[in-house]
């Protein structure tokens, strides 16, 4: 199916807007010692690149795993979360996390979240193309709002689990850091799976529970982020980085 340039343009803008709003708040939290802008852009692009890479893998998962039509089955939901979280982390590791600018514990969280926001931006766009093309503006607005407060934040929280695992193991040896990264990835997959399961299964009857889970995760995330910032700045003179 082909879509007009206007449809693609509006979809892209609608998709990237929630991600950019969350990125703005993230960068405001890190405004005292901001990361290089080119690194933020690389991290965003890494997340965007991940989307076309996961789509064929998710299609394969639908074909080979037990499924329940029209909704995905449990094994497919787990596979989707595993594919997405693993791909986000893999591209972050390949394109971002090894660079010399990633030199403090909090940096791992910032860049993992930025990768997640890049992924969410393109994923949001794909969800918005159909309602825009059909002229269903009310459905576009409803989808946009749900993506902003739900799915985009799920990607942020899930990827931050990997970021925090790397951050809190930053000073440990390579073996322990690898173990911590694996645990963080498992937690990310579990959180993402749980959200998708609550949203998709039971005809959406657990949607409120899913959003409660997301916002509880957001509170925990903010608390952990403040802890990392405290250790980052505690020995620095005021107004210095």
C-alpha atoms as a PDB file:
ATOM      1  CA  UNK A   1       0.000   0.000   0.000  1.00  0.00           C
ATOM      2  CA  UNK A   2       1.309   3.438  -0.944  1.00  0.00           C
ATOM      3  CA  UNK A   3       0.713   6.610   1.037  1.00  0.00           C
ATOM      4  CA  UNK A   4       0.899  10.222  -0.061  1.00  0.00           C
ATOM      5  CA  UNK A   5       3.854  12.397   1.004  1.00  0.00           C
ATOM      6  CA  UNK A   6       1.448  14.443   3.118  1.00  0.00           C
ATOM      7  CA  UNK A   7       0.301  11.338   4.997  1.00  0.00           C
ATOM      8  CA  UNK A   8       3.873  10.227   5.590  1.00  0.00           C
ATOM      9  CA  UNK A   9       4.869  13.728   6.676  1.00  0.00           C
ATOM     10  CA  UNK A  10       2.024  14.123   9.164  1.00  0.00           C
ATOM     11  CA  UNK A  11       2.626  10.605  10.451  1.00  0.00           C
ATOM     12  CA  UNK A  12       6.308  11.308  10.986  1.00  0.00           C
ATOM     13  CA  UNK A  13       5.585  14.563  12.796  1.00  0.00           C
ATOM     14  CA  UNK A  14       2.915  12.914  14.916  1.00  0.00           C
ATOM     15  CA  UNK A  15       5.229  10.015  15.655  1.00  0.00           C
ATOM     16  CA  UNK A  16       8.293  12.017  16.566  1.00  0.00           C
ATOM     17  CA  UNK A  17       6.501  14.666  18.661  1.00  0.00           C
ATOM     18  CA  UNK A  18       5.914  12.505  21.779  1.00  0.00           C
ATOM     19  CA  UNK A  19       9.506  11.246  21.631  1.00  0.00           C
ATOM     20  CA  UNK A  20      10.912  14.765  21.314  1.00  0.00           C
ATOM     21  CA  UNK A  21       8.844  15.997  24.267  1.00  0.00           C
ATOM     22  CA  UNK A  22      10.196  13.221  26.473  1.00  0.00           C
ATOM     23  CA  UNK A  23      13.727  13.863  25.137  1.00  0.00           C
ATOM     24  CA  UNK A  24      13.380  17.550  26.038  1.00  0.00           C
ATOM     25  CA  UNK A  25      12.543  16.653  29.644  1.00  0.00           C
ATOM     26  CA  UNK A  26      15.430  14.175  29.766  1.00  0.00           C
ATOM     27  CA  UNK A  27      17.944  16.734  28.503  1.00  0.00           C
ATOM     28  CA  UNK A  28      16.594  19.334  30.948  1.00  0.00           C
ATOM     29  CA  UNK A  29      17.368  16.899  33.750  1.00  0.00           C
ATOM     30  CA  UNK A  30      20.931  16.682  32.409  1.00  0.00           C
ATOM     31  CA  UNK A  31      21.310  20.407  31.648  1.00  0.00           C
ATOM     32  CA  UNK A  32      24.155  20.995  34.104  1.00  0.00           C
ATOM     33  CA  UNK A  33      26.524  18.669  32.223  1.00  0.00           C
ATOM     34  CA  UNK A  34      24.833  18.109  28.854  1.00  0.00           C
ATOM     35  CA  UNK A  35      25.898  15.380  26.477  1.00  0.00           C
ATOM     36  CA  UNK A  36      27.301  16.372  23.053  1.00  0.00           C
ATOM     37  CA  UNK A  37      24.476  17.083  20.629  1.00  0.00           C
ATOM     38  CA  UNK A  38      26.010  14.895  17.926  1.00  0.00           C
ATOM     39  CA  UNK A  39      25.949  11.944  20.343  1.00  0.00           C
ATOM     40  CA  UNK A  40      22.277  12.533  21.110  1.00  0.00           C
ATOM     41  CA  UNK A  41      21.559  12.567  17.369  1.00  0.00           C
ATOM     42  CA  UNK A  42      23.526   9.331  16.841  1.00  0.00           C
ATOM     43  CA  UNK A  43      21.586   7.670  19.662  1.00  0.00           C
ATOM     44  CA  UNK A  44      18.265   8.823  18.199  1.00  0.00           C
ATOM     45  CA  UNK A  45      19.226   7.513  14.766  1.00  0.00           C
ATOM     46  CA  UNK A  46      20.320   4.195  16.285  1.00  0.00           C
ATOM     47  CA  UNK A  47      16.831   3.760  17.741  1.00  0.00           C
ATOM     48  CA  UNK A  48      15.183   4.730  14.454  1.00  0.00           C
ATOM     49  CA  UNK A  49      17.334   2.262  12.506  1.00  0.00           C
ATOM     50  CA  UNK A  50      16.240  -0.502  14.875  1.00  0.00           C
ATOM     51  CA  UNK A  51      12.603  -0.334  13.747  1.00  0.00           C
ATOM     52  CA  UNK A  52      13.014  -1.613  10.151  1.00  0.00           C
ATOM     53  CA  UNK A  53      15.365  -4.273  11.505  1.00  0.00           C
ATOM     54  CA  UNK A  54      12.865  -5.672  14.017  1.00  0.00           C
ATOM     55  CA  UNK A  55       9.833  -5.707  11.704  1.00  0.00           C
ATOM     56  CA  UNK A  56      10.863  -8.765   9.622  1.00  0.00           C
ATOM     57  CA  UNK A  57      11.962 -10.595  12.767  1.00  0.00           C
ATOM     58  CA  UNK A  58       8.589  -9.945  14.381  1.00  0.00           C
ATOM     59  CA  UNK A  59       6.845 -11.212  11.253  1.00  0.00           C
ATOM     60  CA  UNK A  60       8.898 -14.414  11.486  1.00  0.00           C
ATOM     61  CA  UNK A  61       7.882 -14.776  15.136  1.00  0.00           C
ATOM     62  CA  UNK A  62       4.212 -14.593  14.152  1.00  0.00           C
ATOM     63  CA  UNK A  63       4.761 -17.338  11.577  1.00  0.00           C
ATOM     64  CA  UNK A  64       6.603 -19.840  13.750  1.00  0.00           C
ATOM     65  CA  UNK A  65       5.181 -19.346  17.256  1.00  0.00           C
ATOM     66  CA  UNK A  66       1.787 -20.394  18.636  1.00  0.00           C
ATOM     67  CA  UNK A  67      -0.627 -17.563  17.951  1.00  0.00           C
ATOM     68  CA  UNK A  68      -4.183 -16.511  18.766  1.00  0.00           C
ATOM     69  CA  UNK A  69      -5.961 -14.538  16.054  1.00  0.00           C
ATOM     70  CA  UNK A  70      -6.788 -11.717  15.737  1.00  0.00           C
ATOM     71  CA  UNK A  71      -4.657 -10.820  18.796  1.00  0.00           C
ATOM     72  CA  UNK A  72      -1.072 -12.057  19.176  1.00  0.00           C
ATOM     73  CA  UNK A  73      -0.560 -15.035  21.472  1.00  0.00           C
ATOM     74  CA  UNK A  74       1.535 -14.912  24.632  1.00  0.00           C
ATOM     75  CA  UNK A  75       4.636 -16.403  22.988  1.00  0.00           C
ATOM     76  CA  UNK A  76       4.457 -13.857  20.192  1.00  0.00           C
ATOM     77  CA  UNK A  77       4.163 -11.020  22.708  1.00  0.00           C
ATOM     78  CA  UNK A  78       7.246 -12.285  24.537  1.00  0.00           C
ATOM     79  CA  UNK A  79       9.118 -12.652  21.233  1.00  0.00           C
ATOM     80  CA  UNK A  80       8.234  -9.113  20.144  1.00  0.00           C
ATOM     81  CA  UNK A  81       9.465  -7.621  23.415  1.00  0.00           C
ATOM     82  CA  UNK A  82      12.646  -9.714  23.260  1.00  0.00           C
ATOM     83  CA  UNK A  83      13.382  -8.688  19.683  1.00  0.00           C
ATOM     84  CA  UNK A  84      12.771  -4.987  20.289  1.00  0.00           C
ATOM     85  CA  UNK A  85      14.697  -4.678  23.548  1.00  0.00           C
ATOM     86  CA  UNK A  86      17.614  -6.755  22.280  1.00  0.00           C
ATOM     87  CA  UNK A  87      17.839  -4.765  19.041  1.00  0.00           C
ATOM     88  CA  UNK A  88      17.743  -1.428  20.861  1.00  0.00           C
ATOM     89  CA  UNK A  89      20.536  -2.522  23.176  1.00  0.00           C
ATOM     90  CA  UNK A  90      22.564  -4.059  20.354  1.00  0.00           C
ATOM     91  CA  UNK A  91      22.485  -0.899  18.253  1.00  0.00           C
ATOM     92  CA  UNK A  92      23.223   1.251  21.300  1.00  0.00           C
ATOM     93  CA  UNK A  93      26.248  -0.935  22.039  1.00  0.00           C
ATOM     94  CA  UNK A  94      27.430  -0.865  18.419  1.00  0.00           C
ATOM     95  CA  UNK A  95      26.888   2.819  17.660  1.00  0.00           C
ATOM     96  CA  UNK A  96      26.949   4.679  20.970  1.00  0.00           C
ATOM     97  CA  UNK A  97      28.034   3.094  24.236  1.00  0.00           C
ATOM     98  CA  UNK A  98      31.674   2.442  23.341  1.00  0.00           C
ATOM     99  CA  UNK A  99      32.464   6.066  22.467  1.00  0.00           C
ATOM    100  CA  UNK A 100      34.711   8.226  24.644  1.00  0.00           C
ATOM    101  CA  UNK A 101      31.871  10.605  25.542  1.00  0.00           C
ATOM    102  CA  UNK A 102      30.149   7.796  27.451  1.00  0.00           C
ATOM    103  CA  UNK A 103      32.432   8.144  30.450  1.00  0.00           C
ATOM    104  CA  UNK A 104      30.112   8.477  33.468  1.00  0.00           C
ATOM    105  CA  UNK A 105      27.556   6.130  34.958  1.00  0.00           C
ATOM    106  CA  UNK A 106      24.575   8.391  34.229  1.00  0.00           C
ATOM    107  CA  UNK A 107      25.565   8.552  30.542  1.00  0.00           C
ATOM    108  CA  UNK A 108      24.443   4.960  29.987  1.00  0.00           C
ATOM    109  CA  UNK A 109      20.935   5.811  31.133  1.00  0.00           C
ATOM    110  CA  UNK A 110      20.754   8.970  29.022  1.00  0.00           C
ATOM    111  CA  UNK A 111      21.869   7.254  25.836  1.00  0.00           C
ATOM    112  CA  UNK A 112      19.782   4.117  26.300  1.00  0.00           C
ATOM    113  CA  UNK A 113      16.709   6.295  26.802  1.00  0.00           C
ATOM    114  CA  UNK A 114      17.580   8.392  23.755  1.00  0.00           C
ATOM    115  CA  UNK A 115      17.867   5.231  21.647  1.00  0.00           C
ATOM    116  CA  UNK A 116      14.475   4.133  22.998  1.00  0.00           C
ATOM    117  CA  UNK A 117      12.942   7.477  22.031  1.00  0.00           C
ATOM    118  CA  UNK A 118      14.291   7.176  18.493  1.00  0.00           C
ATOM    119  CA  UNK A 119      12.716   3.729  18.257  1.00  0.00           C
ATOM    120  CA  UNK A 120       9.420   4.987  19.680  1.00  0.00           C
ATOM    121  CA  UNK A 121       9.312   7.878  17.201  1.00  0.00           C
ATOM    122  CA  UNK A 122       9.335   5.590  14.154  1.00  0.00           C
ATOM    123  CA  UNK A 123       7.056   3.025  15.799  1.00  0.00           C
ATOM    124  CA  UNK A 124       4.578   5.808  16.603  1.00  0.00           C
ATOM    125  CA  UNK A 125       4.714   6.932  12.976  1.00  0.00           C
ATOM    126  CA  UNK A 126       3.777   3.448  11.758  1.00  0.00           C
ATOM    127  CA  UNK A 127       0.775   3.343  14.085  1.00  0.00           C
ATOM    128  CA  UNK A 128      -0.426   6.752  12.884  1.00  0.00           C
ATOM    129  CA  UNK A 129      -0.211   6.227   9.118  1.00  0.00           C
ATOM    130  CA  UNK A 130      -3.500   4.329   8.771  1.00  0.00           C
ATOM    131  CA  UNK A 131      -5.788   6.736  10.691  1.00  0.00           C
ATOM    132  CA  UNK A 132      -4.260   9.732   8.904  1.00  0.00           C
ATOM    133  CA  UNK A 133      -4.607   8.107   5.479  1.00  0.00           C
ATOM    134  CA  UNK A 134      -8.240   7.235   6.255  1.00  0.00           C
ATOM    135  CA  UNK A 135      -8.978  10.778   7.441  1.00  0.00           C
ATOM    136  CA  UNK A 136      -9.889   9.614  10.943  1.00  0.00           C
ATOM    137  CA  UNK A 137      -8.582  12.651  12.818  1.00  0.00           C
ATOM    138  CA  UNK A 138     -10.249  11.673  16.103  1.00  0.00           C
ATOM    139  CA  UNK A 139      -8.555   8.268  15.949  1.00  0.00           C
ATOM    140  CA  UNK A 140      -5.252   9.958  15.131  1.00  0.00           C
ATOM    141  CA  UNK A 141      -5.559  12.194  18.212  1.00  0.00           C
ATOM    142  CA  UNK A 142      -6.549   9.286  20.457  1.00  0.00           C
ATOM    143  CA  UNK A 143      -3.683   7.150  19.169  1.00  0.00           C
ATOM    144  CA  UNK A 144      -1.229  10.028  19.567  1.00  0.00           C
ATOM    145  CA  UNK A 145      -2.248  10.573  23.188  1.00  0.00           C
ATOM    146  CA  UNK A 146      -2.027   6.879  24.039  1.00  0.00           C
ATOM    147  CA  UNK A 147       1.403   6.599  22.420  1.00  0.00           C
ATOM    148  CA  UNK A 148       2.591   9.631  24.413  1.00  0.00           C
ATOM    149  CA  UNK A 149       1.544   8.430  27.869  1.00  0.00           C
ATOM    150  CA  UNK A 150       1.849   4.701  27.259  1.00  0.00           C
ATOM    151  CA  UNK A 151       3.952   3.062  24.592  1.00  0.00           C
ATOM    152  CA  UNK A 152       6.629   5.745  24.313  1.00  0.00           C
ATOM    153  CA  UNK A 153       7.113   5.711  28.077  1.00  0.00           C
ATOM    154  CA  UNK A 154       7.253   1.894  28.055  1.00  0.00           C
ATOM    155  CA  UNK A 155      10.211   2.038  25.671  1.00  0.00           C
ATOM    156  CA  UNK A 156      11.865   4.625  27.924  1.00  0.00           C
ATOM    157  CA  UNK A 157      11.415   2.590  31.105  1.00  0.00           C
ATOM    158  CA  UNK A 158      12.384  -0.718  29.500  1.00  0.00           C
ATOM    159  CA  UNK A 159      15.576   0.620  27.948  1.00  0.00           C
ATOM    160  CA  UNK A 160      16.412   2.532  31.115  1.00  0.00           C
ATOM    161  CA  UNK A 161      16.528  -0.824  32.915  1.00  0.00           C
ATOM    162  CA  UNK A 162      19.537  -1.718  30.761  1.00  0.00           C
ATOM    163  CA  UNK A 163      20.974   1.762  31.236  1.00  0.00           C
ATOM    164  CA  UNK A 164      20.704   1.587  35.016  1.00  0.00           C
ATOM    165  CA  UNK A 165      22.232  -1.903  35.053  1.00  0.00           C
ATOM    166  CA  UNK A 166      25.231  -0.569  33.153  1.00  0.00           C
ATOM    167  CA  UNK A 167      25.348   2.601  35.258  1.00  0.00           C
ATOM    168  CA  UNK A 168      25.370   0.912  38.660  1.00  0.00           C
ATOM    169  CA  UNK A 169      27.964  -1.626  37.487  1.00  0.00           C
ATOM    170  CA  UNK A 170      30.147   1.022  35.827  1.00  0.00           C
ATOM    171  CA  UNK A 171      33.080   0.581  38.239  1.00  0.00           C
ATOM    172  CA  UNK A 172      32.930  -3.217  38.332  1.00  0.00           C
ATOM    173  CA  UNK A 173      35.008  -5.652  36.313  1.00  0.00           C
ATOM    174  CA  UNK A 174      34.048  -6.747  32.800  1.00  0.00           C
ATOM    175  CA  UNK A 175      32.460 -10.049  33.880  1.00  0.00           C
ATOM    176  CA  UNK A 176      30.189  -8.425  36.445  1.00  0.00           C
ATOM    177  CA  UNK A 177      29.242  -5.658  34.022  1.00  0.00           C
ATOM    178  CA  UNK A 178      28.284  -8.253  31.414  1.00  0.00           C
ATOM    179  CA  UNK A 179      26.183 -10.077  34.006  1.00  0.00           C
ATOM    180  CA  UNK A 180      24.525  -6.805  35.045  1.00  0.00           C
ATOM    181  CA  UNK A 181      23.767  -5.933  31.414  1.00  0.00           C
ATOM    182  CA  UNK A 182      22.164  -9.352  30.919  1.00  0.00           C
ATOM    183  CA  UNK A 183      19.992  -8.872  33.998  1.00  0.00           C
ATOM    184  CA  UNK A 184      19.019  -5.395  32.821  1.00  0.00           C
ATOM    185  CA  UNK A 185      18.039  -6.741  29.418  1.00  0.00           C
ATOM    186  CA  UNK A 186      15.951  -9.511  30.992  1.00  0.00           C
ATOM    187  CA  UNK A 187      14.186  -6.935  33.166  1.00  0.00           C
ATOM    188  CA  UNK A 188      13.584  -4.711  30.115  1.00  0.00           C
ATOM    189  CA  UNK A 189      12.053  -7.620  28.221  1.00  0.00           C
ATOM    190  CA  UNK A 190       9.906  -8.559  31.213  1.00  0.00           C
ATOM    191  CA  UNK A 191       8.552  -5.025  31.680  1.00  0.00           C
ATOM    192  CA  UNK A 192       7.846  -4.623  27.976  1.00  0.00           C
ATOM    193  CA  UNK A 193       6.156  -8.031  27.803  1.00  0.00           C
ATOM    194  CA  UNK A 194       3.969  -7.296  30.823  1.00  0.00           C
ATOM    195  CA  UNK A 195       2.781  -3.983  29.385  1.00  0.00           C
ATOM    196  CA  UNK A 196       1.998  -5.476  25.971  1.00  0.00           C
ATOM    197  CA  UNK A 197       0.231  -8.441  27.548  1.00  0.00           C
ATOM    198  CA  UNK A 198      -2.000  -6.194  29.662  1.00  0.00           C
ATOM    199  CA  UNK A 199      -2.802  -3.960  26.677  1.00  0.00           C
ATOM    200  CA  UNK A 200      -3.395  -6.665  24.069  1.00  0.00           C
ATOM    201  CA  UNK A 201      -4.879  -9.580  25.982  1.00  0.00           C
ATOM    202  CA  UNK A 202      -8.312  -9.606  27.620  1.00  0.00           C
ATOM    203  CA  UNK A 203      -9.611  -7.144  24.998  1.00  0.00           C
ATOM    204  CA  UNK A 204      -7.885  -4.253  26.730  1.00  0.00           C
ATOM    205  CA  UNK A 205      -9.694  -4.754  30.042  1.00  0.00           C
ATOM    206  CA  UNK A 206      -6.397  -4.317  31.900  1.00  0.00           C
ATOM    207  CA  UNK A 207      -5.414  -1.094  30.138  1.00  0.00           C
ATOM    208  CA  UNK A 208      -5.636   0.990  33.312  1.00  0.00           C
ATOM    209  CA  UNK A 209      -3.469  -1.540  35.119  1.00  0.00           C
ATOM    210  CA  UNK A 210      -0.937  -1.283  32.295  1.00  0.00           C
ATOM    211  CA  UNK A 211      -0.788   2.496  32.554  1.00  0.00           C
ATOM    212  CA  UNK A 212      -0.517   2.313  36.349  1.00  0.00           C
ATOM    213  CA  UNK A 213       2.451   0.001  35.864  1.00  0.00           C
ATOM    214  CA  UNK A 214       4.061   2.428  33.424  1.00  0.00           C
ATOM    215  CA  UNK A 215       3.706   5.478  35.644  1.00  0.00           C
ATOM    216  CA  UNK A 216       4.897   3.550  38.697  1.00  0.00           C
ATOM    217  CA  UNK A 217       7.947   2.622  36.655  1.00  0.00           C
ATOM    218  CA  UNK A 218       8.390   6.277  35.737  1.00  0.00           C
ATOM    219  CA  UNK A 219       8.479   7.269  39.424  1.00  0.00           C
ATOM    220  CA  UNK A 220      11.093   4.584  40.145  1.00  0.00           C
ATOM    221  CA  UNK A 221      13.084   5.736  37.118  1.00  0.00           C
ATOM    222  CA  UNK A 222      13.118   9.364  38.305  1.00  0.00           C
ATOM    223  CA  UNK A 223      14.258   8.310  41.776  1.00  0.00           C
ATOM    224  CA  UNK A 224      17.124   6.213  40.403  1.00  0.00           C
ATOM    225  CA  UNK A 225      18.093   8.976  37.987  1.00  0.00           C
ATOM    226  CA  UNK A 226      18.303  11.465  40.853  1.00  0.00           C
ATOM    227  CA  UNK A 227      20.555   9.051  42.757  1.00  0.00           C
ATOM    228  CA  UNK A 228      22.940   8.853  39.793  1.00  0.00           C
ATOM    229  CA  UNK A 229      22.932  12.630  39.450  1.00  0.00           C
ATOM    230  CA  UNK A 230      23.711  13.010  43.157  1.00  0.00           C
ATOM    231  CA  UNK A 231      26.790  10.801  42.903  1.00  0.00           C
ATOM    232  CA  UNK A 232      27.802  12.608  39.724  1.00  0.00           C
ATOM    233  CA  UNK A 233      27.702  16.112  41.203  1.00  0.00           C
ATOM    234  CA  UNK A 234      28.408  15.569  44.917  1.00  0.00           C
ATOM    235  CA  UNK A 235      32.126  16.369  44.667  1.00  0.00           C
ATOM    236  CA  UNK A 236      31.822  19.102  42.066  1.00  0.00           C
ATOM    237  CA  UNK A 237      31.762  22.806  42.976  1.00  0.00           C
ATOM    238  CA  UNK A 238      28.443  24.502  42.319  1.00  0.00           C
ATOM    239  CA  UNK A 239      27.873  25.730  38.741  1.00  0.00           C
ATOM    240  CA  UNK A 240      30.653  23.524  37.387  1.00  0.00           C
ATOM    241  CA  UNK A 241      30.494  20.309  35.409  1.00  0.00           C
END
